[in-house]
Amino acid sequence: MEVTQQQIIEALTKNPDWIGGVMPTIQESEVVQKLINNKATAIYQSKIDDEVKAIHTQYDNDLFEILGERPENKDGKKQKTYDKLKEVYSELKTLRETKDSLNKDAKVKELQDQIETLKNEGGGKHIQEQFDQAKLKWEQRESELNTKIEELGSERTKFLKEGPINEALAQIKFTPETPESVKQMVLNSAKSELINKSELRDGKLVFVGEDGKVEMNSKYEPKSAIERVMEMEAVKDISLKDDKNKGGGAEPNIQGGVITTSVEGKDVKKLNLPEGSFKSKAQFIKVAEKALTDAGFTVRDKEWTTLKDQAYKDHKVSELPTSVQ
């Protein structure tokens, strides 16, 4: 006799203790296992369908929020969200490839074409004029700056040249009868020539001939400023010369700013101050007294005042202002 499901339920209801012994046997039966699996599958499928639907709905909502559109209906069927995403990704790839293909020159040309189009249409004429004016103004400013840089460079070079040249000119020993105006003319001419015919190479002053080569002395060394000065005919004509025939053939003794030469057998001392070393009477006194002190003279020496007074006349200090503001 076949036992029905209802009978089993009634028996278990009356005898609950049987459940512990009967359930393992029931669970192992093929019918029960199939029943359990089918129900679990049905529940899982229902839950998954709900989750998938929720995810696709979220994708649709995100697309609408970002792009302002949802998957389309094509051929009477709704476009799948996945297919819509593939379509969007494909468009994104194309846009990135287009972006990467643009280089600087292409972009510049595109902008130039746009400017030309605007010019032809009349709308960009004002913008172009502003651009041209700004460009011209900058080019002028750039030219002014370059000119200023060149001028400053020339002034610096001239300043560096003047140092050793002024020292050389200060060593010229003019004859007592040479007028001050002639001295100044010769000094100015000599200074101008030495600056124009000299260069700074590796920070050193050298004199360059017409052939562009550095002028050398008898020792095959670059000529010094004093050597170059003493070669000038104008300087030779009015400078003191050795008087060997009259017993005064000794070389001039230069001590500080005081030069002692032998003229007709007598020592002649002269306070020689560099041109431009003072611009007022007050500055002259400081420069002159320092030169005398460096030469070993003191205010107690009778030559102190004599040499300073003669230099005062030679350099026409009376024409200078008392002080420089």
Protein backbone atom coordinates (compact mmCIF):
# COMPACT_ATOMS: atom_id res chain seq x y z
CA MET A 1 0.00 0.00 0.00
CA GLU A 2 1.43 3.40 -1.02
CA VAL A 3 1.91 5.92 1.76
CA THR A 4 0.64 9.36 0.85
CA GLN A 5 2.19 12.71 1.70
CA GLN A 6 -0.80 13.56 3.87
CA GLN A 7 -0.37 10.42 5.90
CA ILE A 8 3.27 11.19 6.52
CA ILE A 9 2.42 14.72 7.64
CA GLU A 10 -0.26 13.45 10.04
CA ALA A 11 2.11 10.83 11.50
CA LEU A 12 4.85 13.41 12.08
CA THR A 13 2.35 15.78 13.60
CA LYS A 14 1.27 13.17 16.15
CA ASN A 15 4.85 12.02 16.81
CA PRO A 16 7.24 15.00 16.50
CA ASP A 17 10.13 12.93 17.79
CA TRP A 18 10.15 10.99 14.53
CA ILE A 19 11.32 14.05 12.59
CA GLY A 20 14.95 13.66 13.74
CA GLY A 21 15.11 10.08 12.50
CA VAL A 22 13.03 10.46 9.33
CA MET A 23 14.49 13.81 7.92
CA PRO A 24 17.97 12.47 6.94
CA THR A 25 16.32 9.67 5.00
CA ILE A 26 13.87 12.04 3.32
CA GLN A 27 16.64 14.57 2.39
CA GLU A 28 18.70 11.85 0.75
CA SER A 29 15.87 10.76 -1.49
CA GLU A 30 16.11 11.82 -5.12
CA VAL A 31 12.64 13.28 -5.17
CA VAL A 32 13.25 15.53 -2.17
CA GLN A 33 16.67 16.69 -3.41
CA LYS A 34 15.21 17.57 -6.79
CA LEU A 35 12.42 19.47 -5.07
CA ILE A 36 14.88 21.43 -2.95
CA ASN A 37 17.13 22.25 -5.92
CA ASN A 38 14.22 23.39 -8.08
CA LYS A 39 12.92 25.67 -5.37
CA ALA A 40 16.39 27.11 -4.63
CA THR A 41 16.91 27.74 -8.35
CA ALA A 42 13.57 29.48 -8.63
CA ILE A 43 14.32 31.72 -5.66
CA TYR A 44 17.87 32.51 -6.95
CA GLN A 45 16.63 33.28 -10.45
CA SER A 46 13.98 35.61 -9.08
CA LYS A 47 16.50 37.46 -6.93
CA ILE A 48 19.10 37.69 -9.75
CA ASP A 49 16.53 39.00 -12.18
CA ASP A 50 15.62 41.71 -9.72
CA GLU A 51 19.28 42.65 -9.16
CA VAL A 52 20.11 42.69 -12.88
CA LYS A 53 17.03 44.79 -13.56
CA ALA A 54 18.05 47.23 -10.80
CA ILE A 55 21.61 47.49 -12.20
CA HIS A 56 20.41 48.11 -15.76
CA THR A 57 17.96 50.70 -14.46
CA GLN A 58 20.84 52.43 -12.67
CA TYR A 59 22.93 52.37 -15.88
CA ASP A 60 19.99 53.89 -17.78
CA ASN A 61 19.58 56.60 -15.16
CA ASP A 62 23.34 57.40 -15.15
CA LEU A 63 23.38 57.65 -18.95
CA PHE A 64 20.40 59.98 -18.87
CA GLU A 65 21.99 62.14 -16.15
CA ILE A 66 25.33 62.45 -17.99
CA LEU A 67 24.30 62.39 -21.66
CA GLY A 68 20.66 63.45 -21.44
CA GLU A 69 19.51 60.34 -23.31
CA ARG A 70 18.52 56.73 -22.66
CA PRO A 71 19.03 53.54 -24.70
CA GLU A 72 16.97 53.90 -27.90
CA ASN A 73 14.19 51.74 -29.31
CA LYS A 74 15.35 50.26 -32.61
CA ASP A 75 13.24 48.09 -34.91
CA GLY A 76 10.54 47.97 -32.28
CA LYS A 77 12.93 46.65 -29.66
CA LYS A 78 14.48 48.47 -26.74
CA GLN A 79 18.24 48.89 -27.08
CA LYS A 80 20.15 47.00 -24.44
CA THR A 81 22.00 49.08 -21.90
CA TYR A 82 25.16 47.10 -22.58
CA ASP A 83 24.93 47.87 -26.32
CA LYS A 84 24.41 51.54 -25.53
CA LEU A 85 27.53 51.54 -23.35
CA LYS A 86 29.53 49.93 -26.16
CA GLU A 87 28.31 52.66 -28.48
CA VAL A 88 29.34 55.40 -26.03
CA TYR A 89 32.75 53.81 -25.45
CA SER A 90 33.29 53.61 -29.20
CA GLU A 91 32.51 57.31 -29.57
CA LEU A 92 34.87 58.09 -26.68
CA LYS A 93 37.66 56.14 -28.37
CA THR A 94 37.13 58.06 -31.62
CA LEU A 95 37.21 61.38 -29.78
CA ARG A 96 40.45 60.46 -27.99
CA GLU A 97 42.08 59.40 -31.25
CA THR A 98 41.00 62.68 -32.83
CA LYS A 99 42.39 64.64 -29.89
CA ASP A 100 45.73 62.81 -29.95
CA SER A 101 46.07 63.39 -33.69
CA LEU A 102 46.03 67.15 -33.22
CA ASN A 103 49.52 68.57 -32.83
CA LYS A 104 50.64 72.11 -32.11
CA ASP A 105 51.14 73.14 -35.72
CA ALA A 106 47.75 71.83 -36.72
CA LYS A 107 46.11 73.71 -33.86
CA VAL A 108 47.92 76.92 -34.75
CA LYS A 109 46.88 76.58 -38.37
CA GLU A 110 43.32 75.98 -37.29
CA LEU A 111 43.36 79.16 -35.21
CA GLN A 112 44.95 81.11 -38.07
CA ASP A 113 42.26 79.84 -40.42
CA GLN A 114 39.64 80.94 -37.95
CA ILE A 115 41.22 84.39 -37.74
CA GLU A 116 41.30 84.65 -41.52
CA THR A 117 37.64 83.60 -41.68
CA LEU A 118 36.72 86.22 -39.08
CA LYS A 119 38.75 88.84 -40.96
CA ASN A 120 37.01 87.99 -44.22
CA GLU A 121 33.67 88.19 -42.49
CA GLY A 122 34.64 91.48 -40.82
CA GLY A 123 34.03 90.30 -37.27
CA GLY A 124 37.69 89.64 -36.35
CA LYS A 125 39.24 92.76 -37.84
CA HIS A 126 39.33 94.59 -34.50
CA ILE A 127 40.88 91.58 -32.73
CA GLN A 128 43.57 91.28 -35.42
CA GLU A 129 44.39 94.99 -35.15
CA GLN A 130 44.80 94.67 -31.38
CA PHE A 131 47.04 91.65 -31.86
CA ASP A 132 49.20 93.44 -34.45
CA GLN A 133 49.52 96.53 -32.24
CA ALA A 134 50.52 94.47 -29.20
CA LYS A 135 53.04 92.53 -31.28
CA LEU A 136 54.55 95.75 -32.70
CA LYS A 137 54.75 97.30 -29.23
CA TRP A 138 56.56 94.24 -27.87
CA GLU A 139 59.01 94.17 -30.79
CA GLN A 140 59.82 97.84 -30.19
CA ARG A 141 60.28 97.21 -26.47
CA GLU A 142 62.49 94.20 -27.20
CA SER A 143 64.61 96.31 -29.56
CA GLU A 144 64.99 99.03 -26.91
CA LEU A 145 66.04 96.47 -24.29
CA ASN A 146 68.61 94.90 -26.64
CA THR A 147 70.02 98.35 -27.43
CA LYS A 148 70.26 99.17 -23.73
CA ILE A 149 72.02 95.88 -23.04
CA GLU A 150 74.56 96.63 -25.80
CA GLU A 151 75.13 100.14 -24.41
CA LEU A 152 75.68 98.84 -20.89
CA GLY A 153 78.06 96.21 -22.23
CA SER A 154 80.04 98.86 -24.14
CA GLU A 155 80.18 101.13 -21.07
CA ARG A 156 81.41 98.27 -18.89
CA THR A 157 84.09 97.34 -21.43
CA LYS A 158 85.19 100.98 -21.69
CA PHE A 159 85.37 101.24 -17.89
CA LEU A 160 87.55 98.12 -17.62
CA LYS A 161 89.86 99.43 -20.34
CA GLU A 162 90.22 102.88 -18.79
CA GLY A 163 91.81 101.56 -15.58
CA PRO A 164 95.21 100.42 -16.96
CA ILE A 165 95.14 103.11 -19.69
CA ASN A 166 94.72 105.93 -17.13
CA GLU A 167 97.57 104.46 -15.07
CA ALA A 168 99.80 104.47 -18.14
CA LEU A 169 98.90 108.04 -19.10
CA ALA A 170 99.67 109.17 -15.53
CA GLN A 171 103.28 108.03 -16.04
CA ILE A 172 103.92 110.36 -18.97
CA LYS A 173 106.64 112.88 -18.01
CA PHE A 174 105.97 116.05 -19.95
CA THR A 175 108.66 118.67 -20.46
CA PRO A 176 108.29 121.67 -18.10
CA GLU A 177 107.62 124.03 -21.01
CA THR A 178 104.68 122.02 -22.36
CA PRO A 179 101.48 124.09 -22.02
CA GLU A 180 98.67 122.51 -20.03
CA SER A 181 96.32 122.76 -23.00
CA VAL A 182 98.71 120.73 -25.13
CA LYS A 183 99.05 118.13 -22.39
CA GLN A 184 95.28 117.71 -22.18
CA MET A 185 94.95 117.47 -25.94
CA VAL A 186 97.64 114.79 -26.17
CA LEU A 187 96.25 112.85 -23.20
CA ASN A 188 92.71 112.89 -24.58
CA SER A 189 93.86 111.85 -28.05
CA ALA A 190 96.09 109.11 -26.67
CA LYS A 191 93.34 107.77 -24.41
CA SER A 192 90.81 107.66 -27.26
CA GLU A 193 93.27 105.82 -29.54
CA LEU A 194 94.23 103.29 -26.85
CA ILE A 195 90.58 102.49 -26.08
CA ASN A 196 89.66 102.10 -29.75
CA LYS A 197 92.64 99.88 -30.57
CA SER A 198 92.41 97.60 -27.55
CA GLU A 199 90.33 94.61 -26.50
CA LEU A 200 89.65 92.62 -23.36
CA ARG A 201 90.71 89.02 -23.80
CA ASP A 202 90.43 86.64 -20.86
CA GLY A 203 89.97 89.70 -18.65
CA LYS A 204 93.26 91.30 -19.77
CA LEU A 205 93.79 94.44 -21.83
CA VAL A 206 95.62 93.83 -25.12
CA PHE A 207 96.27 96.07 -28.10
CA VAL A 208 95.32 94.87 -31.55
CA GLY A 209 96.84 95.89 -34.89
CA GLU A 210 95.09 96.42 -38.20
CA ASP A 211 95.51 92.73 -38.98
CA GLY A 212 93.56 91.79 -35.86
CA LYS A 213 96.61 90.29 -34.14
CA VAL A 214 97.75 91.17 -30.63
CA GLU A 215 100.70 93.58 -30.64
CA MET A 216 103.81 92.06 -29.02
CA ASN A 217 106.90 93.67 -27.47
CA SER A 218 110.52 92.58 -27.89
CA LYS A 219 109.97 89.80 -25.34
CA TYR A 220 107.09 88.42 -27.42
CA GLU A 221 104.64 89.40 -24.73
CA PRO A 222 101.50 91.51 -25.26
CA LYS A 223 102.44 95.17 -25.07
CA SER A 224 101.51 96.90 -21.84
CA ALA A 225 99.58 100.16 -21.83
CA ILE A 226 102.68 102.20 -20.90
CA GLU A 227 104.68 100.56 -23.71
CA ARG A 228 101.95 101.43 -26.17
CA VAL A 229 101.75 105.00 -24.86
CA MET A 230 105.47 105.65 -25.19
CA GLU A 231 105.36 104.62 -28.86
CA MET A 232 103.01 107.46 -29.78
CA GLU A 233 104.74 110.25 -31.70
CA ALA A 234 102.66 112.97 -30.06
CA VAL A 235 103.74 111.73 -26.63
CA LYS A 236 107.38 111.47 -27.67
CA ASP A 237 107.40 115.08 -28.87
CA ILE A 238 106.49 116.61 -25.51
CA SER A 239 107.79 114.07 -22.99
CA LEU A 240 111.07 114.27 -21.11
CA LYS A 241 113.99 112.42 -22.65
CA ASP A 242 117.14 111.00 -21.16
CA ASP A 243 120.01 113.49 -21.30
CA LYS A 244 122.95 111.11 -21.30
CA ASN A 245 125.35 113.56 -22.98
CA LYS A 246 125.01 115.98 -20.08
CA GLY A 247 125.39 113.48 -17.31
CA GLY A 248 121.67 113.16 -16.69
CA GLY A 249 121.15 109.80 -18.35
CA ALA A 250 119.54 108.05 -15.39
CA GLU A 251 116.06 106.61 -15.87
CA PRO A 252 113.24 108.67 -14.30
CA ASN A 253 112.48 107.59 -10.76
CA ILE A 254 108.77 107.04 -10.15
CA GLN A 255 107.75 106.89 -6.53
CA GLY A 256 104.03 106.93 -5.92
CA GLY A 257 102.66 109.94 -7.80
CA VAL A 258 105.99 111.79 -7.75
CA ILE A 259 108.24 111.50 -10.80
CA THR A 260 111.88 112.57 -10.53
CA THR A 261 113.76 113.22 -13.78
CA SER A 262 117.18 114.59 -14.56
CA VAL A 263 117.11 117.80 -16.56
CA GLU A 264 120.51 119.30 -17.38
CA GLY A 265 122.05 117.49 -14.47
CA LYS A 266 119.41 118.52 -11.96
CA ASP A 267 116.66 116.45 -10.42
CA VAL A 268 113.23 117.77 -11.26
CA LYS A 269 110.29 116.44 -9.23
CA LYS A 270 106.72 116.56 -10.36
CA LEU A 271 103.48 115.44 -8.73
CA ASN A 272 101.64 113.65 -11.51
CA LEU A 273 98.00 112.84 -10.74
CA PRO A 274 95.78 110.64 -12.97
CA GLU A 275 93.31 112.59 -15.06
CA GLY A 276 89.78 112.32 -13.72
CA SER A 277 90.89 111.27 -10.23
CA PHE A 278 89.30 114.42 -8.76
CA LYS A 279 86.48 116.76 -9.76
CA SER A 280 86.65 119.48 -7.09
CA LYS A 281 89.18 121.44 -5.05
CA ALA A 282 88.39 119.32 -1.99
CA GLN A 283 88.93 116.09 -3.89
CA PHE A 284 92.20 117.42 -5.35
CA ILE A 285 93.61 118.05 -1.88
CA LYS A 286 92.80 114.49 -0.76
CA VAL A 287 94.23 112.89 -3.91
CA ALA A 288 97.36 115.07 -3.95
CA GLU A 289 98.18 114.59 -0.26
CA LYS A 290 97.67 110.83 -0.52
CA ALA A 291 100.02 110.70 -3.53
CA LEU A 292 102.66 112.68 -1.63
CA THR A 293 102.29 110.44 1.43
CA ASP A 294 102.59 107.31 -0.74
CA ALA A 295 105.78 108.80 -2.22
CA GLY A 296 107.30 109.18 1.27
CA PHE A 297 106.77 112.93 1.79
CA THR A 298 105.41 114.50 4.99
CA VAL A 299 103.86 117.90 5.65
CA ARG A 300 107.17 118.94 7.24
CA ASP A 301 109.04 118.53 3.95
CA LYS A 302 109.45 121.78 2.04
CA GLU A 303 108.67 119.92 -1.20
CA TRP A 304 105.24 118.94 0.15
CA THR A 305 103.76 122.39 -0.48
CA THR A 306 105.86 123.06 -3.61
CA LEU A 307 104.79 119.89 -5.37
CA LYS A 308 101.13 120.33 -4.37
CA ASP A 309 101.05 123.96 -5.53
CA GLN A 310 102.62 123.07 -8.88
CA ALA A 311 100.12 120.26 -9.38
CA TYR A 312 97.35 122.72 -8.48
CA LYS A 313 98.49 124.93 -11.38
CA ASP A 314 99.19 122.11 -13.83
CA HIS A 315 95.73 120.62 -13.37
CA LYS A 316 93.94 124.01 -13.30
CA VAL A 317 92.28 123.18 -10.02
CA SER A 318 91.28 126.85 -9.60
CA GLU A 319 88.65 126.31 -12.28
CA LEU A 320 87.02 123.42 -10.39
CA PRO A 321 84.17 123.81 -7.87
CA THR A 322 84.99 123.77 -4.19
CA SER A 323 83.14 120.50 -3.68
CA VAL A 324 80.89 118.12 -5.60
CA GLN A 325 77.33 117.73 -4.38
